[in-house]
Amino acid sequence: MWAIIPINNFDESFSRLSNVLNNDQRKEMTQILATQVLDALTPIESVKKIIVLSNELEWLNSFLNKKITVLPEPETEQFSEKIDYTAQWIQNQGILTMLYLSIDLPYIQQMDIENLISHHISGLSIVEANKDHGTNALILDLPTKMEFKFGPNSFSKHLEEARSKNIDTTIVKIECLSLDLDDWSDLELFKKNPVENKFSHFIDRNNF
């Protein structure tokens, strides 16, 4: 199994928080959240490679992690097309299963990813975002004819796409993979229900 982790250009990340966080704070937050995901993935034996889809090469090259391969973003504005491209690239390497994870998961831990992997039987396993019915995590067997449908209501769109392609689907409920960080209300929710990790230390340092 290979994982796909997309990381936007730091200057473009978490734009919905730009009215309360300055550019440097949003950049640091992106780096911290991405690091938490990479730290959670790396020890998992079944995850053989972590494909980071990003143009932030200088920062990513600072990681001394043999599992990480950086794949520059393709020249398309559509996020789903970027993931389609990366999934096809992984498929071309002969890999039989891919794992997609968003980085905006402030509660994520290794055991959450292992829980998702343990629920995967075949086809598609998918986790719904708690608030906006998006898709925070999925596992998909390769090769596949499925096209990704990220964006508003992507969870239901992915289910419909899987049905149309006769792909067996498992809906997996994992709270820490459902709670994502998109706007100030999500940040407030984390502050009310914190866990001790790099992200909580970031919040404390900045007195949010």
N, C-alpha and C. Protein backbone atom coordinates (compact mmCIF):
# COMPACT_ATOMS: atom_id res chain seq x y z
N MET A 1 0.84 -1.20 0.00
CA MET A 1 0.00 0.00 0.00
C MET A 1 0.88 1.25 0.00
N TRP A 2 0.54 2.18 -0.90
CA TRP A 2 1.19 3.48 -0.93
C TRP A 2 0.17 4.55 -0.55
N ALA A 3 0.64 5.54 0.19
CA ALA A 3 -0.22 6.63 0.63
C ALA A 3 -0.02 7.87 -0.24
N ILE A 4 -1.10 8.63 -0.41
CA ILE A 4 -1.05 9.92 -1.09
C ILE A 4 -1.39 11.02 -0.08
N ILE A 5 -0.48 11.97 0.07
CA ILE A 5 -0.69 13.10 0.96
C ILE A 5 -0.52 14.39 0.15
N PRO A 6 -1.59 15.08 -0.18
CA PRO A 6 -1.46 16.36 -0.90
C PRO A 6 -1.20 17.51 0.06
N ILE A 7 -0.23 18.35 -0.28
CA ILE A 7 0.07 19.54 0.52
C ILE A 7 0.08 20.74 -0.42
N ASN A 8 -0.84 21.66 -0.20
CA ASN A 8 -0.91 22.86 -1.03
C ASN A 8 0.32 23.74 -0.84
N ASN A 9 0.52 24.65 -1.78
CA ASN A 9 1.52 25.69 -1.56
C ASN A 9 1.19 26.42 -0.27
N PHE A 10 2.19 26.65 0.54
CA PHE A 10 1.95 27.21 1.86
C PHE A 10 1.21 28.54 1.80
N ASP A 11 1.50 29.35 0.80
CA ASP A 11 0.86 30.67 0.69
C ASP A 11 -0.63 30.57 0.39
N GLU A 12 -1.07 29.39 -0.06
CA GLU A 12 -2.48 29.21 -0.42
C GLU A 12 -3.26 28.40 0.60
N SER A 13 -2.59 27.90 1.62
CA SER A 13 -3.23 26.98 2.56
C SER A 13 -4.12 27.70 3.56
N PHE A 14 -5.23 27.04 3.89
CA PHE A 14 -6.15 27.52 4.93
C PHE A 14 -6.57 28.97 4.70
N SER A 15 -6.96 29.26 3.48
CA SER A 15 -7.35 30.63 3.14
C SER A 15 -8.58 31.09 3.92
N ARG A 16 -9.42 30.16 4.35
CA ARG A 16 -10.61 30.55 5.11
C ARG A 16 -10.26 31.07 6.50
N LEU A 17 -9.02 30.88 6.91
CA LEU A 17 -8.57 31.40 8.20
C LEU A 17 -7.74 32.67 8.05
N SER A 18 -7.68 33.21 6.84
CA SER A 18 -6.80 34.36 6.59
C SER A 18 -7.26 35.62 7.32
N ASN A 19 -8.52 35.66 7.74
CA ASN A 19 -8.99 36.83 8.47
C ASN A 19 -8.59 36.81 9.94
N VAL A 20 -8.11 35.66 10.43
CA VAL A 20 -7.70 35.56 11.83
C VAL A 20 -6.24 35.11 12.00
N LEU A 21 -5.68 34.48 10.98
CA LEU A 21 -4.28 34.04 11.04
C LEU A 21 -3.50 34.71 9.92
N ASN A 22 -2.31 35.21 10.24
CA ASN A 22 -1.50 35.81 9.19
C ASN A 22 -0.83 34.72 8.36
N ASN A 23 -0.14 35.13 7.31
CA ASN A 23 0.43 34.18 6.38
C ASN A 23 1.45 33.26 7.06
N ASP A 24 2.29 33.82 7.93
CA ASP A 24 3.29 33.00 8.62
C ASP A 24 2.64 31.97 9.53
N GLN A 25 1.57 32.35 10.20
CA GLN A 25 0.86 31.41 11.08
C GLN A 25 0.21 30.29 10.28
N ARG A 26 -0.39 30.64 9.15
CA ARG A 26 -1.03 29.61 8.32
C ARG A 26 0.02 28.68 7.72
N LYS A 27 1.17 29.22 7.35
CA LYS A 27 2.25 28.39 6.84
C LYS A 27 2.73 27.42 7.91
N GLU A 28 2.97 27.92 9.11
CA GLU A 28 3.42 27.05 10.20
C GLU A 28 2.38 25.99 10.53
N MET A 29 1.11 26.38 10.54
CA MET A 29 0.04 25.43 10.83
C MET A 29 -0.01 24.32 9.79
N THR A 30 0.15 24.68 8.52
CA THR A 30 0.18 23.68 7.46
C THR A 30 1.32 22.70 7.66
N GLN A 31 2.50 23.22 7.99
CA GLN A 31 3.65 22.36 8.21
C GLN A 31 3.44 21.43 9.39
N ILE A 32 2.84 21.94 10.46
CA ILE A 32 2.62 21.12 11.65
C ILE A 32 1.59 20.02 11.38
N LEU A 33 0.48 20.37 10.75
CA LEU A 33 -0.54 19.37 10.44
C LEU A 33 0.00 18.31 9.48
N ALA A 34 0.76 18.73 8.48
CA ALA A 34 1.35 17.77 7.55
C ALA A 34 2.34 16.86 8.26
N THR A 35 3.13 17.43 9.16
CA THR A 35 4.10 16.63 9.91
C THR A 35 3.39 15.59 10.77
N GLN A 36 2.28 15.97 11.39
CA GLN A 36 1.53 15.00 12.20
C GLN A 36 1.05 13.82 11.36
N VAL A 37 0.57 14.09 10.16
CA VAL A 37 0.12 13.01 9.28
C VAL A 37 1.29 12.12 8.88
N LEU A 38 2.40 12.73 8.50
CA LEU A 38 3.58 11.95 8.11
C LEU A 38 4.11 11.13 9.28
N ASP A 39 4.11 11.70 10.47
CA ASP A 39 4.57 10.98 11.66
C ASP A 39 3.65 9.80 11.99
N ALA A 40 2.35 9.97 11.76
CA ALA A 40 1.40 8.89 12.03
C ALA A 40 1.52 7.77 11.00
N LEU A 41 1.82 8.12 9.77
CA LEU A 41 1.91 7.12 8.69
C LEU A 41 3.20 6.31 8.72
N THR A 42 4.29 6.96 9.02
CA THR A 42 5.61 6.36 8.83
C THR A 42 5.80 5.03 9.54
N PRO A 43 5.37 4.86 10.79
CA PRO A 43 5.62 3.58 11.47
C PRO A 43 4.76 2.42 10.99
N ILE A 44 3.75 2.68 10.18
CA ILE A 44 2.82 1.62 9.78
C ILE A 44 3.48 0.74 8.72
N GLU A 45 3.66 -0.51 9.06
CA GLU A 45 4.45 -1.41 8.21
C GLU A 45 3.81 -1.62 6.84
N SER A 46 2.48 -1.67 6.79
CA SER A 46 1.81 -1.96 5.52
C SER A 46 1.86 -0.78 4.55
N VAL A 47 2.18 0.41 5.06
CA VAL A 47 2.35 1.59 4.19
C VAL A 47 3.82 1.63 3.76
N LYS A 48 4.07 1.22 2.54
CA LYS A 48 5.45 1.07 2.07
C LYS A 48 6.05 2.38 1.58
N LYS A 49 5.22 3.24 1.01
CA LYS A 49 5.70 4.54 0.54
C LYS A 49 4.64 5.61 0.81
N ILE A 50 5.12 6.83 1.02
CA ILE A 50 4.24 7.98 1.21
C ILE A 50 4.53 8.96 0.07
N ILE A 51 3.58 9.08 -0.84
CA ILE A 51 3.74 9.98 -1.97
C ILE A 51 3.16 11.34 -1.59
N VAL A 52 4.02 12.31 -1.43
CA VAL A 52 3.58 13.66 -1.06
C VAL A 52 3.45 14.48 -2.34
N LEU A 53 2.23 14.86 -2.64
CA LEU A 53 1.94 15.64 -3.84
C LEU A 53 2.04 17.12 -3.48
N SER A 54 3.14 17.75 -3.86
CA SER A 54 3.38 19.12 -3.40
C SER A 54 4.50 19.76 -4.19
N ASN A 55 4.46 21.09 -4.23
CA ASN A 55 5.56 21.86 -4.81
C ASN A 55 6.46 22.48 -3.75
N GLU A 56 6.20 22.17 -2.47
CA GLU A 56 7.01 22.71 -1.39
C GLU A 56 8.24 21.82 -1.17
N LEU A 57 9.09 21.78 -2.19
CA LEU A 57 10.19 20.81 -2.21
C LEU A 57 11.24 21.10 -1.15
N GLU A 58 11.56 22.36 -0.94
CA GLU A 58 12.61 22.70 0.01
C GLU A 58 12.26 22.20 1.41
N TRP A 59 11.04 22.45 1.84
CA TRP A 59 10.62 22.00 3.17
C TRP A 59 10.57 20.48 3.24
N LEU A 60 10.02 19.84 2.22
CA LEU A 60 9.89 18.39 2.24
C LEU A 60 11.24 17.68 2.19
N ASN A 61 12.21 18.29 1.54
CA ASN A 61 13.54 17.68 1.48
C ASN A 61 14.25 17.69 2.82
N SER A 62 13.70 18.42 3.79
CA SER A 62 14.30 18.43 5.13
C SER A 62 13.96 17.17 5.92
N PHE A 63 12.99 16.39 5.44
CA PHE A 63 12.61 15.16 6.13
C PHE A 63 13.59 14.04 5.77
N LEU A 64 14.17 13.43 6.78
CA LEU A 64 15.05 12.28 6.57
C LEU A 64 14.20 11.02 6.71
N ASN A 65 13.34 10.81 5.75
CA ASN A 65 12.36 9.73 5.81
C ASN A 65 12.40 8.98 4.48
N LYS A 66 12.89 7.75 4.52
CA LYS A 66 13.06 6.98 3.29
C LYS A 66 11.73 6.58 2.65
N LYS A 67 10.66 6.65 3.41
CA LYS A 67 9.35 6.28 2.85
C LYS A 67 8.78 7.39 1.96
N ILE A 68 9.23 8.62 2.17
CA ILE A 68 8.63 9.76 1.48
C ILE A 68 9.21 9.91 0.07
N THR A 69 8.32 10.01 -0.90
CA THR A 69 8.67 10.40 -2.26
C THR A 69 7.85 11.64 -2.60
N VAL A 70 8.51 12.69 -3.04
CA VAL A 70 7.81 13.93 -3.38
C VAL A 70 7.49 13.93 -4.87
N LEU A 71 6.22 14.12 -5.18
CA LEU A 71 5.76 14.19 -6.57
C LEU A 71 5.24 15.61 -6.81
N PRO A 72 5.89 16.38 -7.67
CA PRO A 72 5.41 17.75 -7.94
C PRO A 72 3.98 17.73 -8.47
N GLU A 73 3.22 18.75 -8.13
CA GLU A 73 1.84 18.83 -8.57
C GLU A 73 1.75 18.95 -10.09
N PRO A 74 0.80 18.26 -10.71
CA PRO A 74 0.59 18.44 -12.15
C PRO A 74 -0.01 19.81 -12.43
N GLU A 75 0.07 20.24 -13.67
CA GLU A 75 -0.42 21.57 -14.03
C GLU A 75 -1.92 21.54 -14.30
N THR A 76 -2.67 21.44 -13.24
CA THR A 76 -4.12 21.52 -13.31
C THR A 76 -4.63 22.19 -12.05
N GLU A 77 -5.70 22.96 -12.17
CA GLU A 77 -6.27 23.65 -11.02
C GLU A 77 -7.21 22.76 -10.23
N GLN A 78 -7.71 21.70 -10.85
CA GLN A 78 -8.72 20.85 -10.22
C GLN A 78 -8.07 19.84 -9.28
N PHE A 79 -8.47 19.89 -8.01
CA PHE A 79 -7.87 19.00 -7.01
C PHE A 79 -8.11 17.54 -7.36
N SER A 80 -9.32 17.20 -7.79
CA SER A 80 -9.63 15.81 -8.12
C SER A 80 -8.73 15.29 -9.24
N GLU A 81 -8.43 16.14 -10.21
CA GLU A 81 -7.55 15.73 -11.30
C GLU A 81 -6.13 15.49 -10.80
N LYS A 82 -5.70 16.25 -9.79
CA LYS A 82 -4.38 16.03 -9.20
C LYS A 82 -4.31 14.65 -8.53
N ILE A 83 -5.39 14.27 -7.84
CA ILE A 83 -5.40 12.97 -7.18
C ILE A 83 -5.57 11.85 -8.21
N ASP A 84 -6.37 12.08 -9.26
CA ASP A 84 -6.45 11.11 -10.36
C ASP A 84 -5.06 10.85 -10.94
N TYR A 85 -4.33 11.92 -11.18
CA TYR A 85 -2.98 11.83 -11.75
C TYR A 85 -2.06 11.02 -10.84
N THR A 86 -2.11 11.30 -9.55
CA THR A 86 -1.23 10.62 -8.60
C THR A 86 -1.60 9.15 -8.46
N ALA A 87 -2.91 8.87 -8.42
CA ALA A 87 -3.36 7.48 -8.34
C ALA A 87 -2.91 6.69 -9.57
N GLN A 88 -3.00 7.32 -10.75
CA GLN A 88 -2.55 6.66 -11.97
C GLN A 88 -1.04 6.43 -11.93
N TRP A 89 -0.30 7.40 -11.41
CA TRP A 89 1.15 7.25 -11.29
C TRP A 89 1.49 6.09 -10.37
N ILE A 90 0.79 5.97 -9.25
CA ILE A 90 1.01 4.85 -8.33
C ILE A 90 0.63 3.53 -9.00
N GLN A 91 -0.49 3.53 -9.70
CA GLN A 91 -0.94 2.33 -10.40
C GLN A 91 0.10 1.88 -11.42
N ASN A 92 0.74 2.83 -12.09
CA ASN A 92 1.76 2.50 -13.08
C ASN A 92 3.00 1.87 -12.47
N GLN A 93 3.18 2.05 -11.15
CA GLN A 93 4.30 1.42 -10.46
C GLN A 93 3.99 -0.02 -10.06
N GLY A 94 2.78 -0.48 -10.38
CA GLY A 94 2.39 -1.84 -10.05
C GLY A 94 1.84 -2.02 -8.65
N ILE A 95 1.50 -0.92 -7.98
CA ILE A 95 0.98 -0.98 -6.62
C ILE A 95 -0.51 -1.32 -6.65
N LEU A 96 -0.95 -2.15 -5.71
CA LEU A 96 -2.30 -2.69 -5.74
C LEU A 96 -3.29 -1.96 -4.84
N THR A 97 -2.80 -1.11 -3.95
CA THR A 97 -3.70 -0.40 -3.03
C THR A 97 -3.14 0.98 -2.73
N MET A 98 -4.01 1.99 -2.72
CA MET A 98 -3.61 3.35 -2.35
C MET A 98 -4.44 3.83 -1.17
N LEU A 99 -3.82 4.67 -0.36
CA LEU A 99 -4.47 5.31 0.78
C LEU A 99 -4.36 6.81 0.60
N TYR A 100 -5.50 7.49 0.65
CA TYR A 100 -5.51 8.96 0.58
C TYR A 100 -5.84 9.52 1.95
N LEU A 101 -5.08 10.54 2.36
CA LEU A 101 -5.36 11.25 3.61
C LEU A 101 -5.23 12.75 3.40
N SER A 102 -6.20 13.49 3.90
CA SER A 102 -6.07 14.94 3.97
C SER A 102 -5.10 15.29 5.10
N ILE A 103 -4.46 16.46 5.02
CA ILE A 103 -3.57 16.85 6.12
C ILE A 103 -4.30 17.62 7.21
N ASP A 104 -5.52 18.08 6.95
CA ASP A 104 -6.18 18.97 7.91
C ASP A 104 -6.95 18.18 8.97
N LEU A 105 -6.24 17.23 9.59
CA LEU A 105 -6.83 16.33 10.58
C LEU A 105 -6.10 16.52 11.91
N PRO A 106 -6.51 17.47 12.73
CA PRO A 106 -5.73 17.82 13.92
C PRO A 106 -5.64 16.73 14.97
N TYR A 107 -6.57 15.77 14.94
CA TYR A 107 -6.58 14.71 15.95
C TYR A 107 -5.88 13.43 15.51
N ILE A 108 -5.40 13.37 14.30
CA ILE A 108 -4.94 12.11 13.72
C ILE A 108 -3.82 11.47 14.54
N GLN A 109 -3.91 10.13 14.67
CA GLN A 109 -2.88 9.33 15.31
C GLN A 109 -2.66 8.08 14.48
N GLN A 110 -1.55 7.43 14.73
CA GLN A 110 -1.22 6.20 14.01
C GLN A 110 -2.35 5.18 14.10
N MET A 111 -2.94 5.04 15.29
CA MET A 111 -3.96 4.00 15.49
C MET A 111 -5.21 4.27 14.65
N ASP A 112 -5.49 5.53 14.33
CA ASP A 112 -6.65 5.85 13.49
C ASP A 112 -6.45 5.33 12.07
N ILE A 113 -5.25 5.51 11.55
CA ILE A 113 -4.95 5.02 10.21
C ILE A 113 -4.95 3.50 10.20
N GLU A 114 -4.37 2.90 11.22
CA GLU A 114 -4.36 1.43 11.31
C GLU A 114 -5.78 0.89 11.42
N ASN A 115 -6.65 1.62 12.11
CA ASN A 115 -8.06 1.23 12.21
C ASN A 115 -8.71 1.24 10.83
N LEU A 116 -8.47 2.28 10.06
CA LEU A 116 -9.01 2.35 8.70
C LEU A 116 -8.49 1.19 7.86
N ILE A 117 -7.21 0.95 7.92
CA ILE A 117 -6.61 -0.14 7.13
C ILE A 117 -7.23 -1.48 7.51
N SER A 118 -7.47 -1.69 8.81
CA SER A 118 -8.02 -2.97 9.27
C SER A 118 -9.44 -3.20 8.77
N HIS A 119 -10.16 -2.12 8.47
CA HIS A 119 -11.54 -2.24 7.98
C HIS A 119 -11.60 -2.46 6.46
N HIS A 120 -10.48 -2.27 5.79
CA HIS A 120 -10.50 -2.39 4.33
C HIS A 120 -10.47 -3.85 3.92
N ILE A 121 -11.48 -4.24 3.15
CA ILE A 121 -11.57 -5.62 2.65
C ILE A 121 -11.23 -5.66 1.17
N SER A 122 -11.96 -4.87 0.39
CA SER A 122 -11.70 -4.78 -1.05
C SER A 122 -12.40 -3.55 -1.59
N GLY A 123 -12.02 -3.16 -2.80
CA GLY A 123 -12.68 -2.03 -3.45
C GLY A 123 -12.32 -0.71 -2.81
N LEU A 124 -13.34 -0.04 -2.25
CA LEU A 124 -13.18 1.29 -1.67
C LEU A 124 -13.60 1.27 -0.21
N SER A 125 -12.76 1.85 0.65
CA SER A 125 -13.12 2.13 2.04
C SER A 125 -12.99 3.63 2.23
N ILE A 126 -13.99 4.26 2.85
CA ILE A 126 -14.05 5.72 2.82
C ILE A 126 -14.55 6.28 4.14
N VAL A 127 -13.99 7.44 4.53
CA VAL A 127 -14.36 8.14 5.76
C VAL A 127 -14.94 9.50 5.39
N GLU A 128 -16.11 9.79 5.94
CA GLU A 128 -16.79 11.06 5.66
C GLU A 128 -16.34 12.15 6.62
N ALA A 129 -16.15 13.35 6.10
CA ALA A 129 -15.87 14.51 6.95
C ALA A 129 -17.10 14.82 7.80
N ASN A 130 -16.86 15.18 9.05
CA ASN A 130 -17.94 15.36 10.01
C ASN A 130 -18.89 16.49 9.64
N LYS A 131 -18.36 17.59 9.09
CA LYS A 131 -19.16 18.81 8.94
C LYS A 131 -19.68 19.05 7.53
N ASP A 132 -18.84 18.89 6.53
CA ASP A 132 -19.22 19.33 5.19
C ASP A 132 -19.46 18.18 4.21
N HIS A 133 -19.54 16.96 4.75
CA HIS A 133 -19.81 15.78 3.92
C HIS A 133 -18.75 15.59 2.83
N GLY A 134 -17.54 16.02 3.14
CA GLY A 134 -16.42 15.79 2.24
C GLY A 134 -15.79 14.43 2.50
N THR A 135 -14.60 14.24 1.95
CA THR A 135 -13.88 12.98 2.08
C THR A 135 -12.52 13.25 2.69
N ASN A 136 -12.31 12.77 3.90
CA ASN A 136 -11.04 13.00 4.59
C ASN A 136 -10.03 11.88 4.40
N ALA A 137 -10.53 10.68 4.14
CA ALA A 137 -9.63 9.54 4.01
C ALA A 137 -10.31 8.46 3.19
N LEU A 138 -9.52 7.75 2.41
CA LEU A 138 -10.05 6.60 1.69
C LEU A 138 -8.92 5.64 1.34
N ILE A 139 -9.30 4.40 1.15
CA ILE A 139 -8.41 3.36 0.63
C ILE A 139 -9.08 2.81 -0.62
N LEU A 140 -8.29 2.61 -1.67
CA LEU A 140 -8.84 2.15 -2.94
C LEU A 140 -7.90 1.11 -3.54
N ASP A 141 -8.49 -0.02 -3.96
CA ASP A 141 -7.71 -1.04 -4.65
C ASP A 141 -7.43 -0.61 -6.08
N LEU A 142 -6.26 -0.97 -6.55
CA LEU A 142 -5.81 -0.66 -7.90
C LEU A 142 -5.55 -1.95 -8.67
N PRO A 143 -5.68 -1.93 -10.00
CA PRO A 143 -6.07 -0.79 -10.84
C PRO A 143 -7.56 -0.46 -10.66
N THR A 144 -7.93 0.75 -11.04
CA THR A 144 -9.30 1.19 -10.87
C THR A 144 -9.74 2.09 -12.02
N LYS A 145 -11.03 2.09 -12.27
CA LYS A 145 -11.62 3.02 -13.24
C LYS A 145 -12.28 4.20 -12.54
N MET A 146 -12.20 4.22 -11.21
CA MET A 146 -12.85 5.27 -10.44
C MET A 146 -12.18 6.61 -10.66
N GLU A 147 -12.99 7.65 -10.82
CA GLU A 147 -12.51 9.02 -10.90
C GLU A 147 -12.87 9.74 -9.61
N PHE A 148 -11.94 10.51 -9.09
CA PHE A 148 -12.17 11.17 -7.81
C PHE A 148 -13.07 12.39 -7.98
N LYS A 149 -13.82 12.68 -6.91
CA LYS A 149 -14.85 13.73 -6.95
C LYS A 149 -14.71 14.67 -5.75
N PHE A 150 -13.49 15.05 -5.43
CA PHE A 150 -13.28 15.91 -4.27
C PHE A 150 -13.94 17.28 -4.49
N GLY A 151 -14.35 17.87 -3.37
CA GLY A 151 -15.06 19.13 -3.41
C GLY A 151 -16.31 19.04 -2.55
N PRO A 152 -17.27 19.96 -2.73
CA PRO A 152 -18.50 19.93 -1.94
C PRO A 152 -19.23 18.59 -2.07
N ASN A 153 -19.63 18.03 -0.92
CA ASN A 153 -20.38 16.77 -0.88
C ASN A 153 -19.65 15.62 -1.58
N SER A 154 -18.34 15.62 -1.47
CA SER A 154 -17.56 14.61 -2.19
C SER A 154 -17.81 13.20 -1.66
N PHE A 155 -18.20 13.08 -0.40
CA PHE A 155 -18.45 11.74 0.15
C PHE A 155 -19.53 11.03 -0.65
N SER A 156 -20.69 11.66 -0.81
CA SER A 156 -21.78 11.03 -1.56
C SER A 156 -21.42 10.87 -3.03
N LYS A 157 -20.66 11.81 -3.57
CA LYS A 157 -20.24 11.71 -4.97
C LYS A 157 -19.28 10.54 -5.17
N HIS A 158 -18.40 10.30 -4.21
CA HIS A 158 -17.51 9.14 -4.30
C HIS A 158 -18.29 7.83 -4.20
N LEU A 159 -19.29 7.81 -3.32
CA LEU A 159 -20.12 6.60 -3.21
C LEU A 159 -20.84 6.33 -4.53
N GLU A 160 -21.39 7.36 -5.15
CA GLU A 160 -22.10 7.20 -6.42
C GLU A 160 -21.14 6.77 -7.52
N GLU A 161 -19.95 7.36 -7.55
CA GLU A 161 -18.95 6.97 -8.54
C GLU A 161 -18.56 5.51 -8.37
N ALA A 162 -18.38 5.07 -7.13
CA ALA A 162 -18.03 3.67 -6.88
C ALA A 162 -19.16 2.74 -7.33
N ARG A 163 -20.40 3.12 -7.04
CA ARG A 163 -21.54 2.30 -7.48
C ARG A 163 -21.59 2.20 -8.99
N SER A 164 -21.34 3.32 -9.67
CA SER A 164 -21.42 3.33 -11.13
C SER A 164 -20.33 2.46 -11.76
N LYS A 165 -19.25 2.23 -11.03
CA LYS A 165 -18.15 1.41 -11.54
C LYS A 165 -18.13 0.02 -10.91
N ASN A 166 -19.21 -0.31 -10.19
CA ASN A 166 -19.35 -1.63 -9.54
C ASN A 166 -18.19 -1.94 -8.60
N ILE A 167 -17.80 -0.94 -7.81
CA ILE A 167 -16.72 -1.11 -6.84
C ILE A 167 -17.32 -1.35 -5.47
N ASP A 168 -16.96 -2.46 -4.84
CA ASP A 168 -17.41 -2.74 -3.48
C ASP A 168 -16.97 -1.60 -2.56
N THR A 169 -17.86 -1.16 -1.67
CA THR A 169 -17.58 0.01 -0.84
C THR A 169 -17.88 -0.28 0.62
N THR A 170 -16.97 0.16 1.48
CA THR A 170 -17.15 0.09 2.93
C THR A 170 -17.07 1.50 3.49
N ILE A 171 -18.11 1.92 4.21
CA ILE A 171 -18.09 3.21 4.90
C ILE A 171 -17.53 2.97 6.30
N VAL A 172 -16.47 3.70 6.62
CA VAL A 172 -15.78 3.50 7.89
C VAL A 172 -15.95 4.76 8.73
N LYS A 173 -16.36 4.58 9.97
CA LYS A 173 -16.57 5.71 10.88
C LYS A 173 -15.43 5.74 11.90
N ILE A 174 -14.57 6.74 11.77
CA ILE A 174 -13.46 6.94 12.70
C ILE A 174 -13.45 8.42 13.05
N GLU A 175 -13.79 8.73 14.28
CA GLU A 175 -14.02 10.13 14.66
C GLU A 175 -12.82 11.02 14.37
N CYS A 176 -11.63 10.55 14.70
CA CYS A 176 -10.44 11.40 14.55
C CYS A 176 -10.06 11.63 13.09
N LEU A 177 -10.61 10.82 12.19
CA LEU A 177 -10.42 11.05 10.76
C LEU A 177 -11.59 11.83 10.16
N SER A 178 -12.65 11.99 10.93
CA SER A 178 -13.82 12.74 10.46
C SER A 178 -13.74 14.22 10.81
N LEU A 179 -13.06 14.52 11.92
CA LEU A 179 -12.98 15.90 12.39
C LEU A 179 -11.82 16.61 11.72
N ASP A 180 -12.14 17.50 10.79
CA ASP A 180 -11.08 18.20 10.07
C ASP A 180 -11.06 19.67 10.46
N LEU A 181 -10.11 20.38 9.91
CA LEU A 181 -9.90 21.79 10.25
C LEU A 181 -10.03 22.62 8.99
N ASP A 182 -11.09 23.42 8.95
CA ASP A 182 -11.37 24.18 7.75
C ASP A 182 -11.54 25.67 8.03
N ASP A 183 -12.15 25.99 9.16
CA ASP A 183 -12.38 27.40 9.48
C ASP A 183 -12.25 27.62 10.99
N TRP A 184 -12.56 28.84 11.43
CA TRP A 184 -12.35 29.20 12.83
C TRP A 184 -13.20 28.35 13.78
N SER A 185 -14.40 27.96 13.38
CA SER A 185 -15.25 27.14 14.25
C SER A 185 -14.60 25.79 14.53
N ASP A 186 -13.88 25.25 13.55
CA ASP A 186 -13.17 23.99 13.76
C ASP A 186 -12.01 24.17 14.74
N LEU A 187 -11.35 25.30 14.63
CA LEU A 187 -10.26 25.61 15.56
C LEU A 187 -10.80 25.76 16.98
N GLU A 188 -11.94 26.41 17.12
CA GLU A 188 -12.58 26.57 18.43
C GLU A 188 -12.98 25.21 19.01
N LEU A 189 -13.47 24.33 18.16
CA LEU A 189 -13.85 22.99 18.60
C LEU A 189 -12.65 22.23 19.14
N PHE A 190 -11.52 22.33 18.44
CA PHE A 190 -10.31 21.66 18.91
C PHE A 190 -9.87 22.24 20.25
N LYS A 191 -9.97 23.55 20.41
CA LYS A 191 -9.57 24.19 21.67
C LYS A 191 -10.43 23.70 22.84
N LYS A 192 -11.70 23.42 22.57
CA LYS A 192 -12.59 22.92 23.62
C LYS A 192 -12.35 21.45 23.92
N ASN A 193 -11.83 20.72 22.94
CA ASN A 193 -11.59 19.28 23.10
C ASN A 193 -10.18 18.93 22.62
N PRO A 194 -9.17 19.47 23.29
CA PRO A 194 -7.80 19.31 22.80
C PRO A 194 -7.21 17.94 23.12
N VAL A 195 -6.22 17.57 22.34
CA VAL A 195 -5.31 16.47 22.69
C VAL A 195 -3.91 17.05 22.63
N GLU A 196 -3.00 16.45 23.38
CA GLU A 196 -1.64 16.97 23.37
C GLU A 196 -0.89 16.46 22.15
N ASN A 197 -0.57 17.35 21.26
CA ASN A 197 0.21 17.00 20.07
C ASN A 197 0.86 18.27 19.54
N LYS A 198 1.51 18.17 18.41
CA LYS A 198 2.20 19.34 17.84
C LYS A 198 1.23 20.49 17.56
N PHE A 199 0.02 20.14 17.14
CA PHE A 199 -0.95 21.18 16.81
C PHE A 199 -1.43 21.91 18.06
N SER A 200 -1.67 21.19 19.14
CA SER A 200 -2.09 21.86 20.38
C SER A 200 -0.99 22.77 20.91
N HIS A 201 0.26 22.36 20.74
CA HIS A 201 1.38 23.22 21.17
C HIS A 201 1.43 24.49 20.31
N PHE A 202 1.13 24.35 19.03
CA PHE A 202 1.07 25.51 18.14
C PHE A 202 -0.01 26.49 18.59
N ILE A 203 -1.17 25.98 18.95
CA ILE A 203 -2.26 26.84 19.44
C ILE A 203 -1.85 27.55 20.72
N ASP A 204 -1.22 26.82 21.63
CA ASP A 204 -0.80 27.42 22.90
C ASP A 204 0.24 28.53 22.68
N ARG A 205 1.18 28.27 21.78
CA ARG A 205 2.23 29.26 21.52
C ARG A 205 1.65 30.57 20.98
N ASN A 206 0.61 30.44 20.18
CA ASN A 206 0.04 31.62 19.53
C ASN A 206 -1.15 32.22 20.27
N ASN A 207 -1.53 31.60 21.39
CA ASN A 207 -2.63 32.12 22.22
C ASN A 207 -3.92 32.34 21.44
N PHE A 208 -4.26 31.37 20.61
CA PHE A 208 -5.50 31.49 19.85
C PHE A 208 -6.71 31.31 20.77
